[in-house]
Amino acid sequence: MNKILKKSLGVLLSLMMVIGLVSCGSNNEKDNANSGEPKTLKVYTWWDITKFAHLQKMKEDFESKNPDIKLDFITVSGEGYADTMITKLAGGETPDVMMLAMDQVPRYAKKNMIMPLDDLANQEYKDSLYPVVKDALTVDEKMYAAGRDVTPKVMYINTKMFKEAGIEIPSDTWTMDEFVEIAKQLTKGSGADSQWGYYWKNYSDQTFAHIAAFGGKLYSEDGKTSVLSTDENTKKAVQFMYDLTNTYKVCPTGAQASQFGDNEYSSFMANKVAMQIGSLSTSSTLDANKTEYTVLPIPSVNGVSTSSSFVNTWTIPKGAKNPELSWRVVEFLSGKEGQQIALDMKFGLPASNKVDTTKFIGENNYNKYFVDALETAVPYQVNINGSEFQNMFEKECESLWAGAITPDEFAQRVDNQGKEILSKE
């Protein structure tokens, strides 16, 4: 009997120890869950946060208002950010928030690699977005991204070169014809003494700015073909750009421009180029170089000044572990508070009309042109196969700027190659 009792007591004690351990474990888990430790969310960007003060400020302000979340900004450097991120996502490496350029949003959305945000964003947020931003964020009538910053194009004027040439700064109602005549007057010299009236780097968004100014476009309505050889306004724009480089010769070649530095505005900052299209962030580059400049709207065509705009975005990858927390980050970065930081630090125009632009406009007499462009700009045209098309387009542009092919030949070559590229599913 004693043996049985002892055995029973031993079993009972063992059970009590197990229960105690389970209870302790459970309590420890509760203690960890309620310890107040913030959740760390990973934000992937192509910028190094240590080099961009506006990102540092956004992180600091967000965390102060959201003590339950810490942001870990991770830089994915090098060329091909969009392709690299697709590889990472396919391999199971899923950030909580991800930066994405507007031309990549359709591609990611169609591949089901980013979440639609309609159910996360409230109507007030959606209504606050400028029209050009709404267009950039939408694929198949669903909102897949939130605005990081907006870059409507304006014309930068090198006031030092204008003054030395005795040329008055034109009014803000200037025309494209006036622009050409001024560019001719400011182009002179040879060799080391050469200077030019105008320059733009061979980037597709820079070239599209000229197409937009003439009311042209890149793609057909269904996005299956390009329209460079069929759209009359686009044809006028292509002829205009060809004339700038080959007929009027008011633009340096890429090689001539690069001799002054690697930055696309190096020749402008060296007082070798008098006019160049840029965005708000351009002013920071010029200010750091102490370049003398002012800003005007894009010259008008047929009485209308049309700017184009590129929009960079924040997205939430499909499979993000905490979509609601991710949205809190995205909503801050792309909403009134985060966008105010971007504007105040002159990194980009706001996506939201809730941002107060009064102080910005009051800083100088030309900042109003940036804000005006938010209402009138047309978005840079995007396509699910846009990356491949852009590479082809820029390559053909090189031949056009060099005068190796005519505008008609250029347009036909682009459209012929575009049929195969753009028709891919």
Protein backbone atom coordinates (compact mmCIF):
# COMPACT_ATOMS: atom_id res chain seq x y z
CA MET A 1 0.00 0.00 0.00
CA ASN A 2 2.85 2.38 0.87
CA LYS A 3 4.53 1.61 -2.42
CA ILE A 4 1.36 2.38 -4.35
CA LEU A 5 0.89 5.61 -2.42
CA LYS A 6 4.46 6.68 -3.00
CA LYS A 7 4.14 5.92 -6.68
CA SER A 8 0.90 7.91 -6.91
CA LEU A 9 2.46 10.85 -5.11
CA GLY A 10 5.42 10.76 -7.50
CA VAL A 11 3.15 10.85 -10.54
CA LEU A 12 1.17 13.70 -9.00
CA LEU A 13 4.31 15.70 -8.29
CA SER A 14 5.52 15.14 -11.85
CA LEU A 15 2.20 16.38 -13.25
CA MET A 16 2.35 19.45 -11.01
CA MET A 17 5.86 20.25 -12.26
CA VAL A 18 4.77 19.94 -15.88
CA ILE A 19 1.74 22.15 -15.25
CA GLY A 20 3.98 24.67 -13.50
CA LEU A 21 6.43 24.74 -16.40
CA VAL A 22 3.62 25.17 -18.91
CA SER A 23 2.15 27.93 -16.79
CA CYS A 24 5.51 29.68 -16.51
CA GLY A 25 6.01 29.39 -20.24
CA SER A 26 2.58 30.80 -20.85
CA ASN A 27 3.21 33.65 -18.45
CA ASN A 28 6.57 34.39 -20.07
CA GLU A 29 4.91 34.56 -23.48
CA LYS A 30 2.30 36.95 -22.09
CA ASP A 31 5.02 39.02 -20.46
CA ASN A 32 6.87 39.24 -23.80
CA ALA A 33 3.70 40.13 -25.65
CA ASN A 34 2.86 42.84 -23.13
CA SER A 35 6.41 44.05 -22.57
CA GLY A 36 5.87 47.14 -24.72
CA GLU A 37 8.66 46.20 -27.11
CA PRO A 38 7.97 47.90 -30.46
CA LYS A 39 7.43 45.87 -33.61
CA THR A 40 10.19 46.38 -36.19
CA LEU A 41 9.00 46.88 -39.76
CA LYS A 42 11.41 46.66 -42.68
CA VAL A 43 11.21 49.39 -45.32
CA TYR A 44 13.10 48.64 -48.56
CA THR A 45 14.31 51.57 -50.68
CA TRP A 46 16.91 52.24 -53.35
CA TRP A 47 18.27 55.12 -51.23
CA ASP A 48 20.62 54.94 -48.29
CA ILE A 49 18.79 56.58 -45.39
CA THR A 50 22.11 57.77 -43.94
CA LYS A 51 22.51 60.02 -46.97
CA PHE A 52 18.98 61.45 -47.19
CA ALA A 53 17.92 63.80 -44.43
CA HIS A 54 14.24 63.76 -45.38
CA LEU A 55 14.07 59.96 -44.84
CA GLN A 56 15.79 60.36 -41.47
CA LYS A 57 13.24 63.01 -40.49
CA MET A 58 10.33 60.83 -41.66
CA LYS A 59 11.61 57.89 -39.61
CA GLU A 60 12.13 60.05 -36.52
CA ASP A 61 8.71 61.70 -36.69
CA PHE A 62 6.86 58.47 -37.45
CA GLU A 63 8.44 56.60 -34.55
CA SER A 64 7.73 59.45 -32.14
CA LYS A 65 4.04 59.30 -33.07
CA ASN A 66 3.95 55.48 -33.24
CA PRO A 67 6.01 54.17 -30.29
CA ASP A 68 4.82 50.62 -30.96
CA ILE A 69 6.66 50.52 -34.30
CA LYS A 70 10.33 50.84 -35.21
CA LEU A 71 11.35 51.37 -38.85
CA ASP A 72 14.36 49.61 -40.30
CA PHE A 73 15.24 51.20 -43.65
CA ILE A 74 17.11 48.71 -45.83
CA THR A 75 18.92 49.87 -48.95
CA VAL A 76 18.80 47.74 -52.09
CA SER A 77 21.57 49.43 -54.04
CA GLY A 78 22.81 49.12 -57.57
CA GLU A 79 21.12 49.12 -60.94
CA GLY A 80 17.95 47.18 -61.52
CA TYR A 81 16.21 47.75 -58.20
CA ALA A 82 12.84 46.64 -59.59
CA ASP A 83 14.23 43.37 -61.00
CA THR A 84 16.21 42.71 -57.82
CA MET A 85 13.11 43.14 -55.68
CA ILE A 86 11.10 40.75 -57.86
CA THR A 87 13.82 38.14 -57.28
CA LYS A 88 13.79 38.79 -53.53
CA LEU A 89 9.99 38.59 -53.30
CA ALA A 90 9.90 35.39 -55.35
CA GLY A 91 12.48 33.92 -52.99
CA GLY A 92 10.38 34.67 -49.93
CA GLU A 93 12.19 37.81 -48.74
CA THR A 94 9.19 40.05 -48.02
CA PRO A 95 9.61 43.54 -46.58
CA ASP A 96 6.76 45.31 -44.78
CA VAL A 97 6.92 48.40 -47.01
CA MET A 98 8.68 48.88 -50.31
CA MET A 99 9.55 51.89 -52.45
CA LEU A 100 8.57 51.54 -56.11
CA ALA A 101 8.68 53.86 -59.12
CA MET A 102 5.36 54.49 -60.87
CA ASP A 103 6.51 52.81 -64.08
CA GLN A 104 6.90 49.54 -62.13
CA VAL A 105 3.52 49.61 -60.35
CA PRO A 106 1.56 47.98 -63.24
CA ARG A 107 4.18 45.27 -63.60
CA TYR A 108 4.11 44.38 -59.90
CA ALA A 109 0.32 44.62 -59.69
CA LYS A 110 -0.21 42.31 -62.67
CA LYS A 111 2.20 39.80 -61.16
CA ASN A 112 0.23 39.92 -57.88
CA MET A 113 3.37 41.00 -55.99
CA ILE A 114 1.92 44.07 -54.25
CA MET A 115 -1.32 44.48 -52.34
CA PRO A 116 -4.26 46.60 -53.49
CA LEU A 117 -4.71 49.36 -50.92
CA ASP A 118 -8.35 50.34 -51.46
CA ASP A 119 -9.55 48.58 -48.31
CA LEU A 120 -6.77 50.10 -46.20
CA ALA A 121 -6.93 53.70 -47.44
CA ASN A 122 -9.94 55.74 -46.34
CA GLN A 123 -11.86 57.98 -48.71
CA GLU A 124 -10.45 61.16 -47.20
CA TYR A 125 -6.95 59.99 -48.09
CA LYS A 126 -7.96 59.09 -51.64
CA ASP A 127 -9.75 62.42 -52.14
CA SER A 128 -6.65 64.32 -51.02
CA LEU A 129 -4.50 63.00 -53.87
CA TYR A 130 -3.77 65.21 -56.87
CA PRO A 131 -5.19 63.83 -60.16
CA VAL A 132 -1.74 63.10 -61.60
CA VAL A 133 -0.97 61.03 -58.49
CA LYS A 134 -4.22 59.05 -58.56
CA ASP A 135 -3.46 58.01 -62.12
CA ALA A 136 0.03 56.82 -61.18
CA LEU A 137 -1.23 54.68 -58.29
CA THR A 138 -4.08 52.96 -60.11
CA VAL A 139 -4.05 49.72 -62.11
CA ASP A 140 -7.29 48.27 -63.47
CA GLU A 141 -9.22 50.78 -61.34
CA LYS A 142 -7.58 49.56 -58.11
CA MET A 143 -5.16 51.56 -55.98
CA TYR A 144 -1.91 49.61 -55.59
CA ALA A 145 0.46 52.30 -54.30
CA ALA A 146 0.67 55.54 -52.32
CA GLY A 147 2.56 58.63 -53.41
CA ARG A 148 6.09 59.13 -52.11
CA ASP A 149 6.78 62.35 -54.00
CA VAL A 150 5.75 64.01 -57.24
CA THR A 151 8.15 65.50 -59.78
CA PRO A 152 6.32 67.81 -62.20
CA LYS A 153 8.75 69.23 -64.73
CA VAL A 154 9.65 72.91 -65.00
CA MET A 155 12.29 74.81 -66.98
CA TYR A 156 15.45 75.88 -65.13
CA ILE A 157 17.05 79.10 -66.38
CA ASN A 158 20.76 79.85 -65.88
CA THR A 159 20.45 83.53 -64.97
CA LYS A 160 24.22 84.09 -65.08
CA MET A 161 24.38 83.06 -68.74
CA PHE A 162 21.30 85.10 -69.61
CA LYS A 163 22.77 88.18 -67.92
CA GLU A 164 26.16 87.82 -69.61
CA ALA A 165 24.44 87.49 -72.99
CA GLY A 166 22.21 90.52 -72.33
CA ILE A 167 19.05 88.46 -72.73
CA GLU A 168 16.02 89.18 -70.56
CA ILE A 169 14.37 86.37 -68.66
CA PRO A 170 11.14 85.62 -70.58
CA SER A 171 7.71 85.89 -68.99
CA ASP A 172 5.92 82.86 -67.59
CA THR A 173 3.68 82.88 -70.67
CA TRP A 174 6.57 82.24 -73.04
CA THR A 175 6.08 80.02 -76.06
CA MET A 176 8.06 77.17 -77.56
CA ASP A 177 9.02 79.44 -80.48
CA GLU A 178 10.49 81.98 -78.04
CA PHE A 179 12.34 79.18 -76.28
CA VAL A 180 13.97 78.07 -79.56
CA GLU A 181 15.06 81.60 -80.48
CA ILE A 182 16.61 82.16 -77.04
CA ALA A 183 18.39 78.78 -77.24
CA LYS A 184 19.89 79.83 -80.59
CA GLN A 185 21.15 83.12 -79.15
CA LEU A 186 22.79 81.40 -76.21
CA THR A 187 24.56 78.75 -78.30
CA LYS A 188 28.03 79.89 -79.36
CA GLY A 189 31.74 79.22 -79.25
CA SER A 190 33.79 76.15 -80.09
CA GLY A 191 36.04 73.74 -78.29
CA ALA A 192 36.62 74.72 -74.68
CA ASP A 193 34.67 77.95 -75.24
CA SER A 194 31.49 76.18 -76.38
CA GLN A 195 28.20 76.83 -74.68
CA TRP A 196 24.69 75.72 -75.52
CA GLY A 197 21.19 77.07 -75.13
CA TYR A 198 19.60 73.84 -73.95
CA TYR A 199 20.22 70.25 -72.87
CA TRP A 200 18.31 67.20 -71.72
CA LYS A 201 19.77 63.84 -70.85
CA ASN A 202 18.64 60.77 -72.79
CA TYR A 203 16.24 59.47 -70.14
CA SER A 204 12.79 58.38 -71.29
CA ASP A 205 10.98 60.57 -68.74
CA GLN A 206 12.96 63.62 -69.87
CA THR A 207 12.12 62.90 -73.49
CA PHE A 208 8.48 62.29 -72.60
CA ALA A 209 8.39 65.80 -71.09
CA HIS A 210 8.81 67.17 -74.62
CA ILE A 211 6.21 64.80 -76.02
CA ALA A 212 3.75 65.86 -73.32
CA ALA A 213 4.42 69.54 -74.03
CA PHE A 214 3.11 68.98 -77.56
CA GLY A 215 0.13 66.97 -76.32
CA GLY A 216 1.56 63.68 -77.55
CA LYS A 217 1.75 60.22 -76.01
CA LEU A 218 3.75 57.00 -76.15
CA TYR A 219 1.15 54.23 -76.17
CA SER A 220 -2.21 53.36 -77.65
CA GLU A 221 -5.23 53.28 -75.33
CA ASP A 222 -4.94 49.51 -74.81
CA GLY A 223 -1.17 49.75 -74.26
CA LYS A 224 -0.46 47.11 -76.91
CA THR A 225 1.33 49.40 -79.37
CA SER A 226 3.34 52.62 -79.40
CA VAL A 227 2.08 55.55 -81.47
CA LEU A 228 5.18 57.52 -82.41
CA SER A 229 4.53 57.14 -86.12
CA THR A 230 0.75 57.65 -85.99
CA ASP A 231 -0.05 60.30 -83.36
CA GLU A 232 0.30 63.74 -84.97
CA ASN A 233 1.22 65.57 -81.76
CA THR A 234 3.86 62.98 -80.92
CA LYS A 235 5.32 63.29 -84.42
CA LYS A 236 5.59 67.08 -83.96
CA ALA A 237 7.41 66.56 -80.67
CA VAL A 238 9.89 64.10 -82.19
CA GLN A 239 10.60 66.49 -85.07
CA PHE A 240 11.08 69.32 -82.57
CA MET A 241 13.64 67.35 -80.55
CA TYR A 242 15.45 66.30 -83.69
CA ASP A 243 15.66 69.95 -84.79
CA LEU A 244 17.04 71.05 -81.44
CA THR A 245 19.94 68.62 -81.72
CA ASN A 246 20.54 68.45 -85.48
CA THR A 247 19.00 71.46 -87.23
CA TYR A 248 19.51 74.26 -84.69
CA LYS A 249 22.36 72.46 -82.91
CA VAL A 250 21.53 74.17 -79.61
CA CYS A 251 22.18 71.04 -77.51
CA PRO A 252 25.48 69.40 -76.59
CA THR A 253 25.91 65.71 -77.27
CA GLY A 254 25.96 63.37 -74.31
CA ALA A 255 29.76 63.19 -74.59
CA GLN A 256 30.09 66.98 -74.67
CA ALA A 257 27.85 67.37 -71.63
CA SER A 258 29.58 64.64 -69.63
CA GLN A 259 32.97 66.37 -69.86
CA PHE A 260 31.74 68.73 -67.12
CA GLY A 261 30.79 65.92 -64.73
CA ASP A 262 28.62 62.86 -64.21
CA ASN A 263 25.53 64.66 -62.91
CA GLU A 264 22.91 65.34 -65.57
CA TYR A 265 23.05 69.03 -64.57
CA SER A 266 26.86 69.30 -64.54
CA SER A 267 26.99 71.36 -67.75
CA PHE A 268 24.25 73.67 -66.42
CA MET A 269 26.19 74.12 -63.16
CA ALA A 270 29.36 74.79 -65.16
CA ASN A 271 27.54 77.66 -66.93
CA LYS A 272 27.78 75.85 -70.24
CA VAL A 273 24.05 75.15 -70.68
CA ALA A 274 21.51 77.96 -70.29
CA MET A 275 18.21 76.06 -70.00
CA GLN A 276 17.29 72.59 -68.82
CA ILE A 277 14.15 70.79 -67.71
CA GLY A 278 14.17 69.66 -64.09
CA SER A 279 12.10 69.02 -60.98
CA LEU A 280 12.08 70.35 -57.41
CA SER A 281 14.97 68.15 -56.28
CA THR A 282 17.08 69.77 -59.02
CA SER A 283 17.10 72.99 -56.98
CA SER A 284 18.92 71.26 -54.10
CA THR A 285 21.65 70.14 -56.48
CA LEU A 286 22.00 73.63 -57.96
CA ASP A 287 21.92 75.33 -54.55
CA ALA A 288 24.70 73.09 -53.26
CA ASN A 289 26.77 74.18 -56.26
CA LYS A 290 25.82 77.86 -55.75
CA THR A 291 24.49 78.02 -59.32
CA GLU A 292 22.55 81.16 -60.27
CA TYR A 293 19.14 80.21 -61.60
CA THR A 294 15.43 80.83 -61.76
CA VAL A 295 12.49 78.70 -62.87
CA LEU A 296 9.76 79.07 -65.50
CA PRO A 297 6.86 76.86 -66.61
CA ILE A 298 7.38 74.63 -69.64
CA PRO A 299 7.02 76.83 -72.77
CA SER A 300 3.52 76.75 -74.20
CA VAL A 301 2.44 75.05 -77.42
CA ASN A 302 -0.74 76.38 -79.03
CA GLY A 303 -1.36 78.51 -75.96
CA VAL A 304 -1.08 75.67 -73.43
CA SER A 305 1.81 74.96 -71.08
CA THR A 306 1.80 71.25 -70.27
CA SER A 307 4.12 69.69 -67.74
CA SER A 308 4.67 65.98 -67.26
CA SER A 309 5.22 64.35 -63.92
CA PHE A 310 6.83 61.23 -62.52
CA VAL A 311 5.57 59.80 -59.24
CA ASN A 312 7.58 57.60 -56.90
CA THR A 313 5.53 55.46 -54.56
CA TRP A 314 5.30 53.38 -51.42
CA THR A 315 3.79 49.90 -51.70
CA ILE A 316 2.98 46.93 -49.47
CA PRO A 317 4.25 43.61 -50.87
CA LYS A 318 1.86 40.71 -51.12
CA GLY A 319 2.45 38.46 -48.13
CA ALA A 320 3.48 41.24 -45.75
CA LYS A 321 2.94 39.86 -42.23
CA ASN A 322 1.14 42.86 -40.77
CA PRO A 323 -0.66 44.77 -43.55
CA GLU A 324 -2.45 47.07 -41.10
CA LEU A 325 0.84 48.09 -39.48
CA SER A 326 2.44 48.45 -42.93
CA TRP A 327 -0.40 50.75 -43.95
CA ARG A 328 0.19 52.95 -40.90
CA VAL A 329 3.71 53.50 -42.19
CA VAL A 330 2.63 54.08 -45.77
CA GLU A 331 -0.19 56.40 -44.70
CA PHE A 332 2.24 58.56 -42.71
CA LEU A 333 4.95 58.67 -45.39
CA SER A 334 2.50 59.48 -48.19
CA GLY A 335 0.04 61.56 -46.18
CA LYS A 336 0.00 65.10 -44.85
CA GLU A 337 2.82 64.76 -42.32
CA GLY A 338 5.31 62.78 -44.35
CA GLN A 339 4.67 64.77 -47.51
CA GLN A 340 5.12 68.04 -45.60
CA ILE A 341 8.60 66.84 -44.65
CA ALA A 342 9.44 66.03 -48.29
CA LEU A 343 8.28 69.49 -49.39
CA ASP A 344 9.92 71.44 -46.56
CA MET A 345 13.23 69.71 -47.27
CA LYS A 346 12.78 70.35 -51.00
CA PHE A 347 12.93 66.73 -51.99
CA GLY A 348 9.67 66.45 -53.86
CA LEU A 349 6.27 67.97 -54.39
CA PRO A 350 3.48 66.52 -52.23
CA ALA A 351 1.05 63.88 -53.42
CA SER A 352 -1.65 65.19 -51.07
CA ASN A 353 -3.45 68.53 -51.33
CA LYS A 354 -3.66 68.51 -47.52
CA VAL A 355 -0.03 69.63 -47.40
CA ASP A 356 0.35 73.36 -46.74
CA THR A 357 2.29 74.90 -49.65
CA THR A 358 1.94 78.51 -48.43
CA LYS A 359 5.40 78.75 -46.88
CA PHE A 360 6.98 77.01 -49.87
CA ILE A 361 5.38 79.40 -52.37
CA GLY A 362 6.37 82.39 -50.24
CA GLU A 363 10.07 81.47 -50.23
CA ASN A 364 10.61 82.81 -53.75
CA ASN A 365 8.59 84.02 -56.72
CA TYR A 366 8.93 80.90 -58.85
CA ASN A 367 7.91 78.11 -56.47
CA LYS A 368 4.32 78.69 -57.49
CA TYR A 369 5.12 77.10 -60.85
CA PHE A 370 5.88 73.78 -59.14
CA VAL A 371 2.60 73.84 -57.23
CA ASP A 372 0.60 74.95 -60.28
CA ALA A 373 2.02 71.99 -62.20
CA LEU A 374 0.53 69.57 -59.65
CA GLU A 375 -2.91 70.48 -60.95
CA THR A 376 -2.07 70.52 -64.67
CA ALA A 377 0.65 67.90 -65.17
CA VAL A 378 0.02 64.76 -67.17
CA PRO A 379 1.53 61.55 -65.78
CA TYR A 380 4.49 59.85 -67.35
CA GLN A 381 2.95 57.00 -69.31
CA VAL A 382 3.57 53.53 -67.93
CA ASN A 383 3.11 50.01 -69.23
CA ILE A 384 3.48 46.51 -67.82
CA ASN A 385 6.29 45.99 -70.34
CA GLY A 386 7.55 49.53 -69.89
CA SER A 387 11.07 48.67 -68.73
CA GLU A 388 11.93 46.74 -71.90
CA PHE A 389 10.25 49.39 -74.05
CA GLN A 390 12.15 52.22 -72.35
CA ASN A 391 15.50 50.51 -72.93
CA MET A 392 14.71 50.10 -76.61
CA PHE A 393 13.30 53.63 -76.84
CA GLU A 394 16.40 55.26 -75.31
CA LYS A 395 18.70 53.25 -77.58
CA GLU A 396 16.82 54.44 -80.67
CA CYS A 397 16.83 57.99 -79.31
CA GLU A 398 20.62 57.93 -79.29
CA SER A 399 20.57 57.35 -83.03
CA LEU A 400 18.04 60.14 -83.51
CA TRP A 401 19.95 62.72 -81.45
CA ALA A 402 23.13 61.78 -83.34
CA GLY A 403 21.36 62.41 -86.65
CA ALA A 404 22.00 58.84 -87.79
CA ILE A 405 18.28 58.37 -88.58
CA THR A 406 15.44 60.72 -89.46
CA PRO A 407 12.43 61.37 -87.21
CA ASP A 408 10.25 59.23 -89.49
CA GLU A 409 12.74 56.36 -89.42
CA PHE A 410 13.03 56.67 -85.65
CA ALA A 411 9.26 56.58 -85.12
CA GLN A 412 8.82 53.58 -87.39
CA ARG A 413 11.65 51.65 -85.77
CA VAL A 414 10.27 52.26 -82.30
CA ASP A 415 6.74 51.28 -83.30
CA ASN A 416 7.89 48.15 -85.11
CA GLN A 417 9.87 46.92 -82.11
CA GLY A 418 7.17 48.14 -79.74
CA LYS A 419 4.57 45.77 -81.23
CA GLU A 420 6.48 42.72 -80.04
CA ILE A 421 7.48 44.18 -76.66
CA LEU A 422 4.14 45.69 -75.67
CA SER A 423 2.01 42.75 -76.75
CA LYS A 424 3.65 40.42 -74.21
CA GLU A 425 1.35 39.22 -71.46
